[in-house]
Structure formats: C-alpha cells, structure tokens
N, C-alpha and C. Protein backbone atom coordinates (compact mmCIF):
# COMPACT_ATOMS: atom_id res chain seq x y z
N MET A 1 -84.03 -39.33 36.98
CA MET A 1 -82.78 -38.79 37.49
C MET A 1 -83.07 -37.59 38.40
N ILE A 2 -82.47 -37.59 39.57
CA ILE A 2 -82.64 -36.49 40.52
C ILE A 2 -81.75 -35.33 40.09
N LEU A 3 -82.35 -34.14 40.04
CA LEU A 3 -81.62 -32.91 39.73
C LEU A 3 -81.75 -31.96 40.92
N MET A 4 -80.99 -30.89 40.91
CA MET A 4 -81.03 -29.93 42.03
C MET A 4 -82.44 -29.40 42.26
N LYS A 5 -83.22 -29.24 41.21
CA LYS A 5 -84.60 -28.73 41.36
C LYS A 5 -85.48 -29.68 42.16
N ASP A 6 -85.08 -30.96 42.24
CA ASP A 6 -85.86 -31.96 42.96
C ASP A 6 -85.53 -32.00 44.46
N ILE A 7 -84.45 -31.33 44.84
CA ILE A 7 -83.99 -31.37 46.24
C ILE A 7 -84.61 -30.20 47.00
N ILE A 8 -85.37 -30.55 48.06
CA ILE A 8 -86.02 -29.50 48.84
C ILE A 8 -84.99 -28.82 49.73
N ARG A 9 -85.28 -27.57 50.10
CA ARG A 9 -84.31 -26.77 50.85
C ARG A 9 -84.78 -26.51 52.28
N GLU A 10 -83.82 -26.09 53.11
CA GLU A 10 -84.12 -25.85 54.52
C GLU A 10 -85.34 -24.96 54.63
N GLY A 11 -86.16 -25.25 55.63
CA GLY A 11 -87.43 -24.54 55.80
C GLY A 11 -88.60 -25.39 55.34
N HIS A 12 -88.35 -26.36 54.46
CA HIS A 12 -89.41 -27.25 54.00
C HIS A 12 -89.77 -28.21 55.14
N PRO A 13 -91.07 -28.37 55.44
CA PRO A 13 -91.47 -29.18 56.60
C PRO A 13 -91.01 -30.65 56.55
N THR A 14 -90.87 -31.24 55.38
CA THR A 14 -90.45 -32.65 55.29
C THR A 14 -89.08 -32.86 55.92
N LEU A 15 -88.21 -31.85 55.85
CA LEU A 15 -86.86 -31.97 56.40
C LEU A 15 -86.86 -32.06 57.93
N ARG A 16 -87.97 -31.73 58.56
CA ARG A 16 -88.07 -31.78 60.02
C ARG A 16 -88.96 -32.92 60.51
N MET A 17 -89.36 -33.79 59.59
CA MET A 17 -90.22 -34.93 59.96
C MET A 17 -89.37 -36.16 60.25
N ARG A 18 -89.88 -37.03 61.11
CA ARG A 18 -89.25 -38.35 61.28
C ARG A 18 -89.78 -39.23 60.15
N SER A 19 -88.88 -39.81 59.39
CA SER A 19 -89.27 -40.62 58.23
C SER A 19 -89.82 -41.97 58.66
N GLU A 20 -90.61 -42.56 57.78
CA GLU A 20 -91.26 -43.85 58.03
C GLU A 20 -90.35 -45.01 57.62
N GLU A 21 -90.43 -46.10 58.39
CA GLU A 21 -89.74 -47.34 58.01
C GLU A 21 -90.26 -47.78 56.65
N VAL A 22 -89.42 -48.47 55.91
CA VAL A 22 -89.78 -48.96 54.58
C VAL A 22 -90.05 -50.46 54.68
N ALA A 23 -91.12 -50.92 54.03
CA ALA A 23 -91.50 -52.34 54.06
C ALA A 23 -90.80 -53.11 52.95
N PHE A 24 -90.53 -54.38 53.24
CA PHE A 24 -89.95 -55.28 52.24
C PHE A 24 -90.97 -56.36 51.89
N PRO A 25 -90.96 -56.88 50.67
CA PRO A 25 -90.08 -56.46 49.58
C PRO A 25 -90.40 -55.02 49.17
N LEU A 26 -89.38 -54.34 48.66
CA LEU A 26 -89.56 -52.95 48.27
C LEU A 26 -90.60 -52.83 47.16
N SER A 27 -91.40 -51.78 47.25
CA SER A 27 -92.29 -51.47 46.13
C SER A 27 -91.40 -50.99 44.98
N ASP A 28 -91.93 -51.01 43.76
CA ASP A 28 -91.18 -50.50 42.61
C ASP A 28 -90.77 -49.05 42.84
N GLU A 29 -91.68 -48.29 43.45
CA GLU A 29 -91.43 -46.87 43.72
C GLU A 29 -90.25 -46.69 44.70
N ASP A 30 -90.23 -47.49 45.77
CA ASP A 30 -89.15 -47.37 46.76
C ASP A 30 -87.81 -47.85 46.18
N ARG A 31 -87.85 -48.90 45.37
CA ARG A 31 -86.63 -49.39 44.72
C ARG A 31 -86.05 -48.31 43.80
N LYS A 32 -86.92 -47.69 43.02
CA LYS A 32 -86.46 -46.63 42.10
C LYS A 32 -85.91 -45.45 42.89
N LEU A 33 -86.58 -45.08 43.98
CA LEU A 33 -86.11 -43.99 44.83
C LEU A 33 -84.69 -44.28 45.34
N ALA A 34 -84.48 -45.48 45.87
CA ALA A 34 -83.16 -45.86 46.40
C ALA A 34 -82.10 -45.80 45.30
N GLU A 35 -82.42 -46.35 44.14
CA GLU A 35 -81.46 -46.34 43.02
C GLU A 35 -81.18 -44.92 42.56
N ASP A 36 -82.22 -44.08 42.50
CA ASP A 36 -82.05 -42.69 42.07
C ASP A 36 -81.18 -41.90 43.05
N LEU A 37 -81.33 -42.17 44.35
CA LEU A 37 -80.50 -41.47 45.35
C LEU A 37 -79.02 -41.81 45.14
N LEU A 38 -78.75 -43.10 44.95
CA LEU A 38 -77.35 -43.50 44.73
C LEU A 38 -76.83 -42.91 43.42
N MET A 39 -77.65 -42.90 42.38
CA MET A 39 -77.22 -42.35 41.09
C MET A 39 -76.91 -40.86 41.24
N TYR A 40 -77.70 -40.14 42.05
CA TYR A 40 -77.41 -38.71 42.23
C TYR A 40 -76.00 -38.51 42.79
N VAL A 41 -75.66 -39.21 43.88
CA VAL A 41 -74.34 -38.96 44.49
C VAL A 41 -73.22 -39.40 43.55
N LYS A 42 -73.44 -40.46 42.80
CA LYS A 42 -72.42 -40.86 41.82
C LYS A 42 -72.26 -39.78 40.75
N ASN A 43 -73.39 -39.33 40.19
CA ASN A 43 -73.34 -38.29 39.16
C ASN A 43 -72.74 -37.00 39.69
N SER A 44 -73.01 -36.69 40.97
CA SER A 44 -72.55 -35.42 41.54
C SER A 44 -71.05 -35.40 41.80
N GLN A 45 -70.40 -36.56 41.60
CA GLN A 45 -68.95 -36.64 41.74
C GLN A 45 -68.26 -36.79 40.38
N ASP A 46 -69.04 -36.68 39.32
CA ASP A 46 -68.53 -36.82 37.96
C ASP A 46 -68.53 -35.44 37.31
N GLU A 47 -67.33 -34.93 37.00
CA GLU A 47 -67.20 -33.56 36.46
C GLU A 47 -68.10 -33.32 35.26
N GLU A 48 -68.19 -34.30 34.37
CA GLU A 48 -69.01 -34.14 33.16
C GLU A 48 -70.49 -33.99 33.52
N MET A 49 -70.96 -34.83 34.45
CA MET A 49 -72.38 -34.78 34.86
C MET A 49 -72.68 -33.49 35.64
N ILE A 50 -71.73 -33.06 36.47
CA ILE A 50 -71.91 -31.81 37.23
C ILE A 50 -72.14 -30.66 36.25
N GLU A 51 -71.28 -30.60 35.25
CA GLU A 51 -71.34 -29.54 34.23
C GLU A 51 -72.64 -29.63 33.43
N LYS A 52 -72.97 -30.82 32.96
CA LYS A 52 -74.12 -31.02 32.08
C LYS A 52 -75.45 -30.72 32.79
N TYR A 53 -75.56 -31.15 34.06
CA TYR A 53 -76.85 -31.03 34.76
C TYR A 53 -76.84 -30.03 35.91
N ASP A 54 -75.75 -29.28 36.05
CA ASP A 54 -75.63 -28.27 37.10
C ASP A 54 -75.89 -28.88 38.49
N LEU A 55 -75.16 -29.95 38.80
CA LEU A 55 -75.33 -30.66 40.07
C LEU A 55 -74.37 -30.11 41.12
N ARG A 56 -74.81 -30.13 42.37
CA ARG A 56 -73.90 -29.83 43.48
C ARG A 56 -73.29 -31.13 43.96
N PRO A 57 -71.97 -31.16 44.11
CA PRO A 57 -71.33 -32.39 44.56
C PRO A 57 -71.75 -32.77 45.97
N GLY A 58 -71.85 -34.07 46.21
CA GLY A 58 -72.17 -34.57 47.54
C GLY A 58 -71.71 -36.00 47.67
N VAL A 59 -71.61 -36.47 48.90
CA VAL A 59 -71.26 -37.87 49.15
C VAL A 59 -72.47 -38.66 49.65
N GLY A 60 -73.54 -37.96 49.98
CA GLY A 60 -74.73 -38.63 50.47
C GLY A 60 -75.98 -37.83 50.19
N ILE A 61 -77.10 -38.53 50.13
CA ILE A 61 -78.41 -37.88 50.00
C ILE A 61 -79.44 -38.82 50.61
N ALA A 62 -80.41 -38.22 51.29
CA ALA A 62 -81.46 -38.99 51.97
C ALA A 62 -82.81 -38.73 51.31
N ALA A 63 -83.68 -39.73 51.37
CA ALA A 63 -85.01 -39.62 50.75
C ALA A 63 -85.78 -38.37 51.17
N PRO A 64 -85.73 -37.95 52.46
CA PRO A 64 -86.47 -36.73 52.81
C PRO A 64 -86.02 -35.50 52.01
N GLN A 65 -84.79 -35.51 51.52
CA GLN A 65 -84.30 -34.36 50.76
C GLN A 65 -84.95 -34.24 49.38
N VAL A 66 -85.60 -35.32 48.92
CA VAL A 66 -86.38 -35.24 47.70
C VAL A 66 -87.87 -35.37 48.04
N ASN A 67 -88.20 -34.90 49.25
CA ASN A 67 -89.58 -34.81 49.74
C ASN A 67 -90.26 -36.17 49.85
N GLN A 68 -89.47 -37.20 50.21
CA GLN A 68 -90.00 -38.55 50.44
C GLN A 68 -89.62 -38.95 51.87
N PRO A 69 -90.53 -38.80 52.84
CA PRO A 69 -90.17 -39.10 54.24
C PRO A 69 -90.07 -40.60 54.52
N LYS A 70 -89.08 -41.22 53.88
CA LYS A 70 -88.85 -42.67 54.02
C LYS A 70 -87.44 -42.89 54.51
N ARG A 71 -87.22 -43.98 55.24
CA ARG A 71 -85.92 -44.25 55.87
C ARG A 71 -84.96 -44.92 54.86
N ILE A 72 -84.56 -44.11 53.89
CA ILE A 72 -83.64 -44.56 52.84
C ILE A 72 -82.62 -43.46 52.60
N PHE A 73 -81.33 -43.83 52.49
CA PHE A 73 -80.34 -42.88 52.00
C PHE A 73 -79.26 -43.61 51.23
N ALA A 74 -78.46 -42.84 50.52
CA ALA A 74 -77.34 -43.40 49.74
C ALA A 74 -76.08 -42.64 50.08
N LEU A 75 -74.96 -43.37 50.10
CA LEU A 75 -73.63 -42.78 50.27
C LEU A 75 -72.75 -43.28 49.14
N HIS A 76 -71.87 -42.42 48.66
CA HIS A 76 -70.93 -42.85 47.64
C HIS A 76 -69.62 -42.08 47.77
N PHE A 77 -68.56 -42.83 47.94
CA PHE A 77 -67.20 -42.28 47.92
C PHE A 77 -66.49 -43.03 46.81
N ASP A 78 -66.00 -42.34 45.81
CA ASP A 78 -65.31 -43.06 44.73
C ASP A 78 -63.88 -43.40 45.13
N GLU A 79 -63.22 -44.14 44.28
CA GLU A 79 -61.87 -44.62 44.57
C GLU A 79 -60.90 -43.48 44.87
N SER A 80 -61.13 -42.33 44.22
CA SER A 80 -60.19 -41.21 44.40
C SER A 80 -60.22 -40.65 45.82
N SER A 81 -61.27 -40.97 46.57
CA SER A 81 -61.38 -40.46 47.94
C SER A 81 -60.65 -41.36 48.95
N ASP A 82 -60.10 -42.47 48.49
CA ASP A 82 -59.46 -43.46 49.34
C ASP A 82 -60.46 -44.21 50.22
N GLU A 83 -61.72 -43.94 50.08
CA GLU A 83 -62.74 -44.61 50.90
C GLU A 83 -63.34 -45.79 50.16
N ASN A 84 -63.67 -45.58 48.87
CA ASN A 84 -64.22 -46.62 48.01
C ASN A 84 -65.41 -47.33 48.68
N LEU A 85 -66.43 -46.57 49.01
CA LEU A 85 -67.63 -47.09 49.67
C LEU A 85 -68.83 -46.58 48.89
N SER A 86 -69.74 -47.46 48.56
CA SER A 86 -70.94 -47.07 47.84
C SER A 86 -72.07 -47.93 48.39
N LEU A 87 -73.10 -47.29 48.94
CA LEU A 87 -74.16 -48.09 49.54
C LEU A 87 -75.50 -47.39 49.54
N ILE A 88 -76.52 -48.23 49.59
CA ILE A 88 -77.89 -47.79 49.85
C ILE A 88 -78.21 -48.34 51.23
N ALA A 89 -78.72 -47.47 52.10
CA ALA A 89 -79.10 -47.88 53.46
C ALA A 89 -80.60 -47.71 53.62
N ILE A 90 -81.28 -48.81 53.89
CA ILE A 90 -82.73 -48.78 54.10
C ILE A 90 -82.99 -49.19 55.55
N ASN A 91 -83.80 -48.39 56.24
CA ASN A 91 -84.09 -48.58 57.67
C ASN A 91 -82.79 -48.70 58.49
N PRO A 92 -81.84 -47.77 58.28
CA PRO A 92 -80.54 -47.88 58.95
C PRO A 92 -80.60 -47.54 60.44
N LYS A 93 -79.65 -48.13 61.19
CA LYS A 93 -79.53 -47.87 62.63
C LYS A 93 -78.05 -47.88 63.00
N ILE A 94 -77.71 -47.10 64.01
CA ILE A 94 -76.39 -47.21 64.62
C ILE A 94 -76.57 -48.17 65.79
N VAL A 95 -75.82 -49.28 65.80
CA VAL A 95 -75.98 -50.26 66.87
C VAL A 95 -74.95 -50.06 67.98
N SER A 96 -73.82 -49.43 67.67
CA SER A 96 -72.87 -49.06 68.71
C SER A 96 -71.98 -47.93 68.17
N HIS A 97 -71.36 -47.22 69.11
CA HIS A 97 -70.51 -46.09 68.70
C HIS A 97 -69.41 -45.87 69.72
N SER A 98 -68.37 -45.20 69.26
CA SER A 98 -67.25 -44.88 70.15
C SER A 98 -67.63 -43.75 71.09
N VAL A 99 -66.91 -43.65 72.18
CA VAL A 99 -67.03 -42.49 73.07
C VAL A 99 -66.35 -41.30 72.38
N GLU A 100 -65.24 -41.61 71.72
CA GLU A 100 -64.49 -40.56 71.02
C GLU A 100 -65.35 -39.93 69.92
N ARG A 101 -65.15 -38.65 69.72
CA ARG A 101 -65.88 -37.90 68.70
C ARG A 101 -64.93 -37.53 67.56
N SER A 102 -65.50 -37.05 66.48
CA SER A 102 -64.72 -36.46 65.40
C SER A 102 -65.56 -35.36 64.78
N TYR A 103 -64.91 -34.53 63.98
CA TYR A 103 -65.63 -33.47 63.28
C TYR A 103 -64.79 -33.03 62.09
N LEU A 104 -65.46 -32.46 61.11
CA LEU A 104 -64.75 -31.92 59.95
C LEU A 104 -64.29 -30.51 60.26
N THR A 105 -63.01 -30.25 60.07
CA THR A 105 -62.48 -28.90 60.37
C THR A 105 -63.12 -27.86 59.46
N SER A 106 -63.54 -28.27 58.27
CA SER A 106 -64.16 -27.34 57.33
C SER A 106 -65.66 -27.19 57.58
N GLY A 107 -66.19 -27.93 58.55
CA GLY A 107 -67.63 -27.93 58.78
C GLY A 107 -68.32 -28.85 57.79
N GLU A 108 -69.62 -29.01 57.94
CA GLU A 108 -70.40 -29.86 57.05
C GLU A 108 -71.23 -29.00 56.11
N GLY A 109 -71.57 -29.58 54.99
CA GLY A 109 -72.46 -28.93 54.05
C GLY A 109 -73.64 -29.85 53.80
N CYS A 110 -74.61 -29.35 53.06
CA CYS A 110 -75.82 -30.14 52.82
C CYS A 110 -76.45 -29.67 51.53
N LEU A 111 -76.90 -30.61 50.71
CA LEU A 111 -77.56 -30.26 49.45
C LEU A 111 -78.85 -29.49 49.68
N SER A 112 -79.44 -29.61 50.86
CA SER A 112 -80.68 -28.89 51.17
C SER A 112 -80.44 -27.54 51.83
N VAL A 113 -79.18 -27.17 51.99
CA VAL A 113 -78.84 -25.90 52.64
C VAL A 113 -77.99 -25.09 51.66
N ASP A 114 -78.54 -23.95 51.22
CA ASP A 114 -77.88 -23.14 50.20
C ASP A 114 -76.94 -22.09 50.77
N ARG A 115 -76.65 -22.19 52.05
CA ARG A 115 -75.76 -21.22 52.67
C ARG A 115 -74.66 -21.96 53.41
N ALA A 116 -73.55 -21.27 53.59
CA ALA A 116 -72.49 -21.86 54.40
C ALA A 116 -72.88 -21.68 55.86
N VAL A 117 -72.77 -22.71 56.65
CA VAL A 117 -73.06 -22.64 58.08
C VAL A 117 -71.76 -22.99 58.81
N PRO A 118 -71.05 -21.95 59.29
CA PRO A 118 -69.78 -22.23 59.94
C PRO A 118 -69.95 -22.89 61.30
N GLY A 119 -69.00 -23.77 61.61
CA GLY A 119 -69.01 -24.40 62.93
C GLY A 119 -68.70 -25.87 62.85
N TYR A 120 -68.27 -26.40 63.99
CA TYR A 120 -67.95 -27.81 64.10
C TYR A 120 -69.19 -28.60 64.44
N VAL A 121 -69.35 -29.74 63.78
CA VAL A 121 -70.49 -30.64 64.01
C VAL A 121 -69.93 -31.90 64.66
N PRO A 122 -70.12 -32.05 65.99
CA PRO A 122 -69.58 -33.25 66.65
C PRO A 122 -70.32 -34.51 66.21
N ARG A 123 -69.55 -35.54 65.88
CA ARG A 123 -70.09 -36.84 65.48
C ARG A 123 -69.31 -37.92 66.22
N TYR A 124 -69.85 -39.13 66.24
CA TYR A 124 -69.09 -40.26 66.79
C TYR A 124 -67.94 -40.57 65.82
N ALA A 125 -66.76 -40.85 66.36
CA ALA A 125 -65.59 -41.14 65.52
C ALA A 125 -65.73 -42.49 64.82
N ARG A 126 -66.30 -43.46 65.51
CA ARG A 126 -66.48 -44.80 64.95
C ARG A 126 -67.89 -45.29 65.26
N ILE A 127 -68.50 -45.90 64.28
CA ILE A 127 -69.86 -46.41 64.48
C ILE A 127 -69.96 -47.82 63.87
N THR A 128 -70.81 -48.64 64.46
CA THR A 128 -71.21 -49.91 63.86
C THR A 128 -72.67 -49.73 63.48
N VAL A 129 -72.98 -50.03 62.23
CA VAL A 129 -74.32 -49.76 61.71
C VAL A 129 -74.94 -51.03 61.16
N LYS A 130 -76.27 -51.04 61.14
CA LYS A 130 -77.04 -52.08 60.49
C LYS A 130 -78.03 -51.39 59.56
N ALA A 131 -78.24 -51.99 58.41
CA ALA A 131 -79.23 -51.48 57.47
C ALA A 131 -79.59 -52.62 56.52
N PHE A 132 -80.53 -52.34 55.65
CA PHE A 132 -80.92 -53.32 54.64
C PHE A 132 -80.54 -52.78 53.27
N ASP A 133 -80.16 -53.70 52.38
CA ASP A 133 -79.88 -53.28 51.02
C ASP A 133 -81.17 -53.34 50.20
N ILE A 134 -81.05 -53.05 48.93
CA ILE A 134 -82.21 -52.94 48.05
C ILE A 134 -82.95 -54.28 47.88
N GLU A 135 -82.23 -55.38 48.13
CA GLU A 135 -82.85 -56.72 48.03
C GLU A 135 -83.47 -57.17 49.35
N GLY A 136 -83.33 -56.33 50.39
CA GLY A 136 -83.90 -56.70 51.69
C GLY A 136 -82.97 -57.50 52.57
N LYS A 137 -81.69 -57.60 52.17
CA LYS A 137 -80.71 -58.31 53.00
C LYS A 137 -80.13 -57.34 54.02
N GLU A 138 -80.11 -57.79 55.28
CA GLU A 138 -79.52 -56.95 56.32
C GLU A 138 -77.99 -57.04 56.25
N TYR A 139 -77.34 -55.90 56.43
CA TYR A 139 -75.88 -55.91 56.51
C TYR A 139 -75.45 -55.10 57.72
N LYS A 140 -74.25 -55.41 58.18
CA LYS A 140 -73.68 -54.72 59.33
C LYS A 140 -72.27 -54.29 58.93
N MET A 141 -71.87 -53.08 59.29
CA MET A 141 -70.52 -52.63 58.97
C MET A 141 -70.03 -51.62 59.99
N ARG A 142 -68.71 -51.50 60.06
CA ARG A 142 -68.09 -50.51 60.93
C ARG A 142 -67.55 -49.39 60.06
N LEU A 143 -67.79 -48.18 60.51
CA LEU A 143 -67.34 -47.02 59.75
C LEU A 143 -66.56 -46.09 60.67
N LYS A 144 -65.58 -45.39 60.08
CA LYS A 144 -64.84 -44.37 60.81
C LYS A 144 -64.51 -43.26 59.83
N GLY A 145 -64.02 -42.15 60.36
CA GLY A 145 -63.63 -41.06 59.49
C GLY A 145 -64.80 -40.45 58.74
N LEU A 146 -64.51 -40.03 57.51
CA LEU A 146 -65.53 -39.37 56.70
C LEU A 146 -66.78 -40.22 56.45
N PRO A 147 -66.66 -41.51 56.14
CA PRO A 147 -67.88 -42.32 55.97
C PRO A 147 -68.75 -42.36 57.23
N ALA A 148 -68.14 -42.41 58.42
CA ALA A 148 -68.92 -42.40 59.67
C ALA A 148 -69.65 -41.08 59.82
N ILE A 149 -68.97 -39.98 59.51
CA ILE A 149 -69.61 -38.66 59.60
C ILE A 149 -70.77 -38.57 58.61
N ALA A 150 -70.53 -38.99 57.38
CA ALA A 150 -71.57 -38.91 56.35
C ALA A 150 -72.78 -39.78 56.71
N PHE A 151 -72.53 -40.99 57.24
CA PHE A 151 -73.62 -41.88 57.64
C PHE A 151 -74.47 -41.20 58.71
N GLN A 152 -73.82 -40.58 59.70
CA GLN A 152 -74.57 -39.92 60.77
C GLN A 152 -75.35 -38.71 60.25
N HIS A 153 -74.75 -37.97 59.31
CA HIS A 153 -75.42 -36.82 58.70
C HIS A 153 -76.70 -37.28 58.01
N GLU A 154 -76.60 -38.36 57.21
CA GLU A 154 -77.78 -38.85 56.48
C GLU A 154 -78.81 -39.45 57.42
N LEU A 155 -78.36 -40.18 58.44
CA LEU A 155 -79.29 -40.75 59.41
C LEU A 155 -80.06 -39.63 60.12
N ASP A 156 -79.37 -38.53 60.42
CA ASP A 156 -80.06 -37.37 61.01
C ASP A 156 -81.22 -36.91 60.13
N HIS A 157 -81.02 -36.89 58.80
CA HIS A 157 -82.10 -36.47 57.90
C HIS A 157 -83.34 -37.33 58.09
N LEU A 158 -83.16 -38.61 58.37
CA LEU A 158 -84.30 -39.52 58.54
C LEU A 158 -85.04 -39.25 59.84
N ASN A 159 -84.38 -38.51 60.74
CA ASN A 159 -84.99 -38.17 62.03
C ASN A 159 -85.37 -36.70 62.13
N GLY A 160 -85.32 -36.00 61.02
CA GLY A 160 -85.73 -34.59 60.99
C GLY A 160 -84.70 -33.65 61.62
N ILE A 161 -83.46 -34.07 61.65
CA ILE A 161 -82.39 -33.27 62.27
C ILE A 161 -81.48 -32.74 61.17
N MET A 162 -81.15 -31.46 61.24
CA MET A 162 -80.22 -30.85 60.29
C MET A 162 -78.84 -30.76 60.94
N PHE A 163 -77.79 -30.78 60.13
CA PHE A 163 -76.43 -30.80 60.68
C PHE A 163 -76.15 -29.61 61.58
N PHE A 164 -76.73 -28.44 61.25
CA PHE A 164 -76.43 -27.24 62.04
C PHE A 164 -77.10 -27.28 63.42
N ASP A 165 -78.02 -28.21 63.63
CA ASP A 165 -78.62 -28.37 64.97
C ASP A 165 -77.56 -28.80 65.99
N HIS A 166 -76.48 -29.42 65.51
CA HIS A 166 -75.41 -29.91 66.40
C HIS A 166 -74.34 -28.85 66.71
N ILE A 167 -74.35 -27.74 65.97
CA ILE A 167 -73.31 -26.72 66.15
C ILE A 167 -73.60 -25.91 67.40
N ASN A 168 -72.56 -25.66 68.19
CA ASN A 168 -72.70 -24.85 69.41
C ASN A 168 -73.09 -23.43 68.99
N PRO A 169 -74.30 -22.98 69.35
CA PRO A 169 -74.76 -21.67 68.88
C PRO A 169 -73.97 -20.49 69.48
N LYS A 170 -73.46 -20.67 70.69
CA LYS A 170 -72.71 -19.58 71.33
C LYS A 170 -71.28 -19.49 70.82
N ASN A 171 -70.69 -20.66 70.51
CA ASN A 171 -69.31 -20.69 70.04
C ASN A 171 -69.17 -21.81 69.01
N PRO A 172 -69.47 -21.51 67.72
CA PRO A 172 -69.49 -22.55 66.69
C PRO A 172 -68.17 -23.31 66.53
N PHE A 173 -67.06 -22.67 66.90
CA PHE A 173 -65.76 -23.33 66.74
C PHE A 173 -65.15 -23.72 68.08
N ALA A 174 -66.02 -23.91 69.07
CA ALA A 174 -65.53 -24.34 70.39
C ALA A 174 -64.87 -25.70 70.26
N GLU A 175 -63.81 -25.89 71.01
CA GLU A 175 -63.13 -27.19 70.99
C GLU A 175 -64.11 -28.26 71.46
N ILE A 176 -64.10 -29.40 70.79
CA ILE A 176 -64.98 -30.50 71.15
C ILE A 176 -64.15 -31.49 71.96
N PRO A 177 -64.52 -31.71 73.22
CA PRO A 177 -63.74 -32.61 74.07
C PRO A 177 -63.65 -34.01 73.48
N ASN A 178 -62.50 -34.65 73.63
CA ASN A 178 -62.29 -36.03 73.21
C ASN A 178 -62.64 -36.24 71.73
N ALA A 179 -62.23 -35.26 70.88
CA ALA A 179 -62.57 -35.34 69.46
C ALA A 179 -61.34 -35.25 68.57
N THR A 180 -61.39 -35.96 67.47
CA THR A 180 -60.33 -35.92 66.47
C THR A 180 -60.81 -35.08 65.29
N PRO A 181 -60.08 -34.02 64.97
CA PRO A 181 -60.47 -33.23 63.79
C PRO A 181 -60.14 -33.99 62.51
N ILE A 182 -61.00 -33.91 61.53
CA ILE A 182 -60.78 -34.52 60.22
C ILE A 182 -60.72 -33.39 59.21
N ASP A 183 -59.59 -33.30 58.53
CA ASP A 183 -59.34 -32.19 57.62
C ASP A 183 -59.74 -32.57 56.20
N ARG A 184 -61.04 -32.63 55.94
CA ARG A 184 -61.54 -32.92 54.60
C ARG A 184 -62.81 -32.14 54.39
N SER A 185 -63.02 -31.71 53.17
CA SER A 185 -64.29 -31.03 52.89
C SER A 185 -65.30 -32.10 52.51
N SER A 186 -66.54 -31.88 52.92
CA SER A 186 -67.59 -32.85 52.61
C SER A 186 -68.93 -32.15 52.55
N GLY A 187 -69.79 -32.64 51.73
CA GLY A 187 -71.16 -32.16 51.68
C GLY A 187 -72.04 -33.35 51.48
N ASP A 188 -73.33 -33.19 51.84
CA ASP A 188 -74.16 -34.37 51.56
C ASP A 188 -75.01 -34.07 50.37
C-alpha cells in the first residue's frame, strides 16, 4: 500500500525525468505498481482511510511520484464527483485535443508538492487519449472538464513536467485566452 512517506517531493530528480515506456505483458512488479497507484487514489478519497493512514486526498497519481520512472498513472473519481471514472493508464498519449483551453479557478495541487502554488494552469478543454490497461488492451476515450485536466497533469509527470511549470510567472492569474474556467478543487 502506498503511503505519503512513499511519495517523493518536488526537488527529487525522478520528478524531472522522462519516464520509460512499459513492456507488455506486464511484469509482476509493474502490475503491482499500477494496482497500488489506483488503490492510493481510491483510499485517498475515503474518509476512514485518510484518517487511519494520514493520506492526502487526490484524484490521480503517477509512477514517478513513487520514484518509479515508468509511464503508468492512475485516476479515480468516485460517484460523488459526478465523474465516475476510474482507470489505470499505461503508456498513455493524447491523440487529439481542442483548441479551447480550461483551467481550475482554484489552481492545481499535487501530492509531490507540499506548498500551495497560486495561479492558473492552462490545459486543453477536451482531449482524446489512448492508453493500455493492466491486461495490455489498448483503449481510447474522450475526456473533458476535471478528468481532462487530471489526465494532462498526470501525463506531465511522465514527461518530467510539474503543474507549476505552466503557470505564468509574471502574472499567475492572467486571463487565459479562449479558456473556460472550471470551479472545482482538485489535487493529484
């Protein structure tokens, strides 16, 4: 089980590395890693588990955040979020995206960042993605809103990019042209 002590923090070199593609069939180690990532985000949304294990809530976590530079991440939105999406993405890619942007009005958070970083993080409003599941089956899906933002946040981790790299350093709350604000709090 992944705990907060297992999550590396900003400044750790693995967070700035480009992660390696994962080979199929998955090794036992990679399968366990993928399952553990998904279990963390599920547990981090359960009040009892948060209390018991001192977890920080999140909707996503990527393998580099547990010091494994592999192209794997997990996202989980429970039914209460109106999203009801739960997935493991292995070797994920964005195959197309909207011109329109979106951003969270509250800014983004990250399990690997222990400080609040104010500012808007521009993301594509809609994306079509491809990835592989734990059995090695490729899937394709369209995402918008919070799931699209979370997918892009996690994909950035696989490329050594942190969410605050996207924030305008001169004016963190500058209006983002052609963007729809999303009024939801989110962390990965």
